[in-house]
Amino acid sequence: MSFKRFVVLAVSLVFGAILTTAAFGASIDFWIYEPAGPAGEAALEQLKADFEALSTGNTVNIIPIPKGDFNTKLNIAIAVGEAPDASYLDQPLVAEFAEDGLLDPVPEGRIDESIFYQGALNTNRVGGVLYGLPLTQTCTAIYYNKDLVSDPPETWDELIQVAKEVYDPDKQIAAFGFSWGHYGGGWGAWLWHSFVAASGGQLLDEENQVVSFTEQPVIDALQLWVDLLAYSPFEVIESENSFQTGHVAMMISGPWEIEGLRESWPELNWGVALIPRKAEADFGTNIGGDNGVVYAASENKGLAWAWLKFLTLAESNLVLSRDVMGNFPINLTVAKGEWIGGDEALAAFMEQMKYAQARPRVKGWLKINDEILGAALSEALGGEKTPAEALNDAAEKVNQLLGW
């Protein structure tokens, strides 16, 4: 079946009711990150054309904006009363916008939640209410050097054991590192969330308004990173291309590494594995990506939701995520589709995403992550405080910020 025939059938059967809520001749403005190149622009235009062919007489005006300028321009538009009908929105901002009353909740009964990666869907859930739909996603996993690590670890105990075995100070071979940057700071805090998820812990209990930083699984996740430092000196892991040159045996990073490793380091023998878990816990990882939201001020909410739902259908979502945004689909139907083409690295990330956990959905989470949690990691990893002390101090600051 051709893509267009699939879309016609799917839209007619799945959300024709939503399309009927939009008046004939309706128009919406949709803001999206600017695609990386001409191929992405063409794919986006094709999605628009296919949707408009189904929603006869209605129009989607796509406004592409460079990602670096997106949030600033969006905030200005909202402030002057010129918000678009719908837009892309970075996952942590959904809670901010929802609590400010800017977003229209997802119409009840209009989506089948079972088709989504649940971690991606939950990035839109604030106070038990869905305020958007996931459109693209990403996460982190473990890259490992097959010449140094023949069997990637599945548990934390195995991770420490492998770290001891591969660490070689004479050859400057470290056990574990990052794709770039330091263990602390906002980037490090986002990466560390993967290990909190793999410990069975959570950072916030939003329903009961509890900061969970001082609970044992969270402390254990930070203690693991401290323990790994014994086999991963900063001077090695922070050197340029430390993993690519064989000086780091394992690193945590995302799928954005794949193309560069294959093109620039063809001799490197590497693989991708799930992030090791605490023995009694399930696998886990963090999540990144972008959602689609409809604004409360829109005069054509029905058409806006129809467009966003169209973008979450299996085939259209694959085109949007892979061809337009260079990310991964959020629809489980294509999780193991032919598009993977037997690519073991891509398949590993699609499997890892099944265990992805949404970041806390509270107003101010980006500030908490970057300034408070990132600082706590730096303090513990720099030896200024124990993990328990650093996280306890951070919890007090977050309680004050949130008013819990």
Foldseek 3Di string as FASTA:
>chain_A
DDPLVVLLVCLVPQPPVLLVLFDAQEEFEEEEAFFPDDQLVVLVVVLQVSVCVNSDRYHYHYDHDHPVCPVVVQVVCVVVVNHTQKYKDWLLCLLVCVVVQWFDFQPPPRDDCVQFLVQQQCSQADPNTGFFAFQFKWWKFKKFFCVLPVDDAAALVVLLVSQVVRQDVVVLAFEEAAPADDCFFLVNLQFLVQQLLLLVHAQADVVVGAGCCLPDSNLVSLVSVLSSCVRGPPVQRNPPCSVLVRRYGMYMDIPVCVVVCVPVRVPGRMATAFHHHHPVGDHEIAMTHITMTGTPPDPRNSVSSSSRVSSLPDPNSCSCHCRNPNGHHGGPVCLPPCVCVPVRRSNNRSVRSSRHHYHDRHPPVSVLSRPQRSVLSCCCNVVVDPSSVSSVVSSVVVCVVRVD
